[in-house]
C-alpha atoms as a PDB file:
ATOM      1  CA  GLN A   1       0.129   0.282  -0.180  1.00  0.00           C
ATOM      2  CA  GLY A   2       2.497   2.357   0.701  1.00  0.00           C
ATOM      3  CA  ASN A   3       3.643   1.599  -2.908  1.00  0.00           C
ATOM      4  CA  LYS A   4       0.129   2.975  -3.620  1.00  0.00           C
ATOM      5  CA  ASN A   5       0.604   6.010  -2.005  1.00  0.00           C
ATOM      6  CA  ASN A   6       3.754   7.226  -3.308  1.00  0.00           C
ATOM      7  CA  GLN A   7       2.187   6.803  -6.926  1.00  0.00           C
ATOM      8  CA  THR A   8      -0.825   8.792  -6.138  1.00  0.00           C
ATOM      9  CA  THR A   9       1.191  11.902  -4.598  1.00  0.00           C
ATOM     10  CA  LYS A  10       4.132  11.224  -7.746  1.00  0.00           C
ATOM     11  CA  LEU A  11       0.749  12.086 -10.030  1.00  0.00           C
ATOM     12  CA  LYS A  12      -0.922  14.815  -8.229  1.00  0.00           C
ATOM     13  CA  SER A  13       2.358  16.421  -8.159  1.00  0.00           C
ATOM     14  CA  THR A  14       2.704  16.272 -12.440  1.00  0.00           C
ATOM     15  CA  GLN A  15      -0.460  16.504 -13.084  1.00  0.00           C
ATOM     16  CA  LYS A  16      -1.741  19.674 -15.200  1.00  0.00           C
ATOM     17  CA  MET A  17      -5.155  20.610 -14.670  1.00  0.00           C
ATOM     18  CA  ALA A  18      -7.635  21.936 -17.759  1.00  0.00           C
ATOM     19  CA  LYS A  19      -8.088  25.493 -18.190  1.00  0.00           C
ATOM     20  CA  ILE A  20     -10.874  25.759 -20.106  1.00  0.00           C
ATOM     21  CA  ASN A  21     -14.143  27.864 -19.214  1.00  0.00           C
ATOM     22  CA  CYS A  22     -16.798  26.190 -17.654  1.00  0.00           C
ATOM     23  CA  LEU A  23     -19.761  26.641 -15.669  1.00  0.00           C
ATOM     24  CA  ALA A  24     -20.438  23.937 -12.677  1.00  0.00           C
ATOM     25  CA  ASP A  25     -23.790  23.053 -11.012  1.00  0.00           C
ATOM     26  CA  VAL A  26     -23.117  21.897  -7.355  1.00  0.00           C
ATOM     27  CA  CYS A  27     -25.000  20.778  -4.622  1.00  0.00           C
ATOM     28  CA  MET A  28     -23.390  19.993  -1.811  1.00  0.00           C
ATOM     29  CA  VAL A  29     -24.529  18.060   0.785  1.00  0.00           C
ATOM     30  CA  PRO A  30     -23.595  16.805   4.110  1.00  0.00           C
ATOM     31  CA  VAL A  31     -24.718  13.220   5.273  1.00  0.00           C
ATOM     32  CA  GLY A  32     -24.813  12.633   8.745  1.00  0.00           C
ATOM     33  CA  THR A  33     -25.909  15.621  10.791  1.00  0.00           C
ATOM     34  CA  GLY A  34     -28.787  14.351  12.609  1.00  0.00           C
ATOM     35  CA  SER A  35     -31.177  16.687  11.031  1.00  0.00           C
ATOM     36  CA  ALA A  36     -33.078  17.311   8.163  1.00  0.00           C
ATOM     37  CA  SER A  37     -32.003  20.933   7.882  1.00  0.00           C
ATOM     38  CA  ILE A  38     -28.974  21.606   5.943  1.00  0.00           C
ATOM     39  CA  SER A  39     -29.127  25.242   5.531  1.00  0.00           C
ATOM     40  CA  ASP A  40     -26.623  26.279   8.369  1.00  0.00           C
ATOM     41  CA  TYR A  41     -23.804  23.944   6.335  1.00  0.00           C
ATOM     42  CA  VAL A  42     -25.158  25.392   3.243  1.00  0.00           C
ATOM     43  CA  ALA A  43     -25.201  29.280   4.011  1.00  0.00           C
ATOM     44  CA  LYS A  44     -21.104  28.464   5.454  1.00  0.00           C
ATOM     45  CA  ILE A  45     -20.935  27.273   1.920  1.00  0.00           C
ATOM     46  CA  GLU A  46     -21.787  29.796   0.156  1.00  0.00           C
ATOM     47  CA  GLN A  47     -20.167  32.394   1.919  1.00  0.00           C
ATOM     48  CA  LYS A  48     -16.963  30.301   1.124  1.00  0.00           C
ATOM     49  CA  ILE A  49     -18.359  30.982  -2.533  1.00  0.00           C
ATOM     50  CA  ARG A  50     -18.728  33.628  -2.602  1.00  0.00           C
ATOM     51  CA  GLU A  51     -14.956  34.517  -1.149  1.00  0.00           C
ATOM     52  CA  SER A  52     -13.618  33.697  -4.183  1.00  0.00           C
ATOM     53  CA  PRO A  53     -13.008  35.520  -7.329  1.00  0.00           C
ATOM     54  CA  LEU A  54     -15.027  32.930  -9.176  1.00  0.00           C
ATOM     55  CA  LYS A  55     -18.568  34.351 -10.395  1.00  0.00           C
ATOM     56  CA  SER A  56     -21.553  32.474  -8.891  1.00  0.00           C
ATOM     57  CA  THR A  57     -25.406  32.009  -8.821  1.00  0.00           C
ATOM     58  CA  LEU A  58     -27.274  30.605  -5.771  1.00  0.00           C
ATOM     59  CA  HIS A  59     -30.391  29.161  -7.059  1.00  0.00           C
ATOM     60  CA  SER A  60     -32.717  26.418  -5.006  1.00  0.00           C
ATOM     61  CA  ALA A  61     -30.867  22.913  -6.048  1.00  0.00           C
ATOM     62  CA  GLY A  62     -27.168  24.201  -5.163  1.00  0.00           C
ATOM     63  CA  THR A  63     -24.825  26.976  -6.774  1.00  0.00           C
ATOM     64  CA  THR A  64     -23.356  27.537 -10.221  1.00  0.00           C
ATOM     65  CA  ILE A  65     -19.790  28.493 -10.269  1.00  0.00           C
ATOM     66  CA  GLU A  66     -18.500  29.713 -13.258  1.00  0.00           C
ATOM     67  CA  GLY A  67     -14.805  29.966 -14.136  1.00  0.00           C
ATOM     68  CA  PRO A  68     -11.620  28.310 -15.421  1.00  0.00           C
ATOM     69  CA  TRP A  69     -11.850  24.411 -15.034  1.00  0.00           C
ATOM     70  CA  ASP A  70      -9.150  24.113 -12.497  1.00  0.00           C
ATOM     71  CA  GLU A  71     -10.278  27.219 -10.283  1.00  0.00           C
ATOM     72  CA  VAL A  72     -13.902  25.718  -9.891  1.00  0.00           C
ATOM     73  CA  MET A  73     -12.163  21.952  -8.963  1.00  0.00           C
ATOM     74  CA  GLY A  74     -10.019  24.135  -6.876  1.00  0.00           C
ATOM     75  CA  LEU A  75     -12.826  25.800  -5.388  1.00  0.00           C
ATOM     76  CA  ILE A  76     -15.031  22.826  -4.486  1.00  0.00           C
ATOM     77  CA  GLY A  77     -11.779  20.875  -3.105  1.00  0.00           C
ATOM     78  CA  ASP A  78     -11.456  23.941  -1.099  1.00  0.00           C
ATOM     79  CA  LEU A  79     -15.661  23.641  -0.214  1.00  0.00           C
ATOM     80  CA  HIS A  80     -15.154  19.926   0.456  1.00  0.00           C
ATOM     81  CA  GLU A  81     -11.915  20.358   3.005  1.00  0.00           C
ATOM     82  CA  MET A  82     -13.967  23.496   4.843  1.00  0.00           C
ATOM     83  CA  CYS A  83     -16.765  20.640   5.833  1.00  0.00           C
ATOM     84  CA  HIS A  84     -14.723  18.378   7.002  1.00  0.00           C
ATOM     85  CA  GLU A  85     -12.532  21.021   9.367  1.00  0.00           C
ATOM     86  CA  LEU A  86     -16.289  22.173  10.145  1.00  0.00           C
ATOM     87  CA  GLY A  87     -16.744  18.312  12.072  1.00  0.00           C
ATOM     88  CA  LEU A  88     -18.748  16.524   9.125  1.00  0.00           C
ATOM     89  CA  VAL A  89     -17.466  13.341   8.295  1.00  0.00           C
ATOM     90  CA  ARG A  90     -19.265  12.691   4.943  1.00  0.00           C
ATOM     91  CA  VAL A  91     -20.421  15.015   2.046  1.00  0.00           C
ATOM     92  CA  HIS A  92     -21.836  13.964  -0.689  1.00  0.00           C
ATOM     93  CA  THR A  93     -21.453  16.669  -4.004  1.00  0.00           C
ATOM     94  CA  ASP A  94     -23.511  16.297  -7.475  1.00  0.00           C
ATOM     95  CA  ILE A  95     -21.272  18.571 -10.124  1.00  0.00           C
ATOM     96  CA  ARG A  96     -22.604  18.987 -13.546  1.00  0.00           C
ATOM     97  CA  ILE A  97     -20.283  20.816 -15.619  1.00  0.00           C
ATOM     98  CA  GLY A  98     -20.765  21.947 -19.330  1.00  0.00           C
ATOM     99  CA  THR A  99     -17.628  23.688 -21.378  1.00  0.00           C
ATOM    100  CA  ARG A 100     -18.244  25.775 -24.750  1.00  0.00           C
ATOM    101  CA  VAL A 101     -15.651  26.537 -27.565  1.00  0.00           C
ATOM    102  CA  ASP A 102     -17.172  28.394 -29.556  1.00  0.00           C
ATOM    103  CA  LYS A 103     -18.245  31.553 -28.039  1.00  0.00           C
ATOM    104  CA  SER A 104     -18.317  32.905 -24.265  1.00  0.00           C
ATOM    105  CA  GLN A 105     -21.212  32.091 -22.558  1.00  0.00           C
ATOM    106  CA  THR A 106     -22.181  32.998 -18.978  1.00  0.00           C
ATOM    107  CA  ALA A 107     -24.901  31.153 -17.042  1.00  0.00           C
ATOM    108  CA  GLN A 108     -27.172  34.000 -17.362  1.00  0.00           C
ATOM    109  CA  ASP A 109     -27.004  34.350 -21.335  1.00  0.00           C
ATOM    110  CA  LYS A 110     -28.072  30.572 -21.652  1.00  0.00           C
ATOM    111  CA  VAL A 111     -31.088  31.705 -19.322  1.00  0.00           C
ATOM    112  CA  ASP A 112     -31.862  34.450 -21.274  1.00  0.00           C
ATOM    113  CA  VAL A 113     -31.416  32.813 -24.740  1.00  0.00           C
ATOM    114  CA  VAL A 114     -34.899  30.414 -23.338  1.00  0.00           C
ATOM    115  CA  LEU A 115     -36.712  33.137 -22.387  1.00  0.00           C
ATOM    116  CA  LYS A 116     -36.396  35.151 -26.006  1.00  0.00           C
ATOM    117  CA  LYS A 117     -37.226  31.969 -27.340  1.00  0.00           C
ATOM    118  CA  ILE A 118     -40.150  31.590 -24.900  1.00  0.00           C
ATOM    119  CA  GLY A 119     -41.604  35.307 -25.181  1.00  0.00           C
ATOM    120  CA  ALA A 120     -40.681  35.676 -21.503  1.00  0.00           C
ATOM    121  CA  ASP A 121     -38.453  39.074 -20.041  1.00  0.00           C
ATOM    122  CA  ALA A 122     -35.663  38.582 -19.363  1.00  0.00           C
END
C-alpha cells in the first residue's frame, strides 16, 4: 500500500489541470448531521463561494460556479476541506459541468436565450 500512496503523490505533482472555462452546477449535501435541515451548512458553503473571485449564482438546488476549470475544481475541493474542518465526516457532492469552445457564454446568457425563445422578459 505504501507504494500506491507514493504513486498517487507522484501523479498529483505532475498532473496538469485544464484551463478551459466551464459552468459547474454544484450541490453539496452533508451526510449524517442528525437533522433534516442543512441550511446552516449551505450558508457556510455559499459564503466561501462568494469569497472566491469566481462568478456564482445561488439557486434552490445548489450553486452554479463559472470560471476556469482548474479554479472551479480547486474551489470545490476547498469547500470539501472546509466542511470536514467543520466536523462533517461525510459530504456528498453532485456536479454537472458544461464547457463550450465556440463562444463565451455565462449562465445568465443561457437563461436569457431560453426566456427570449419562449417570449418571456429576461
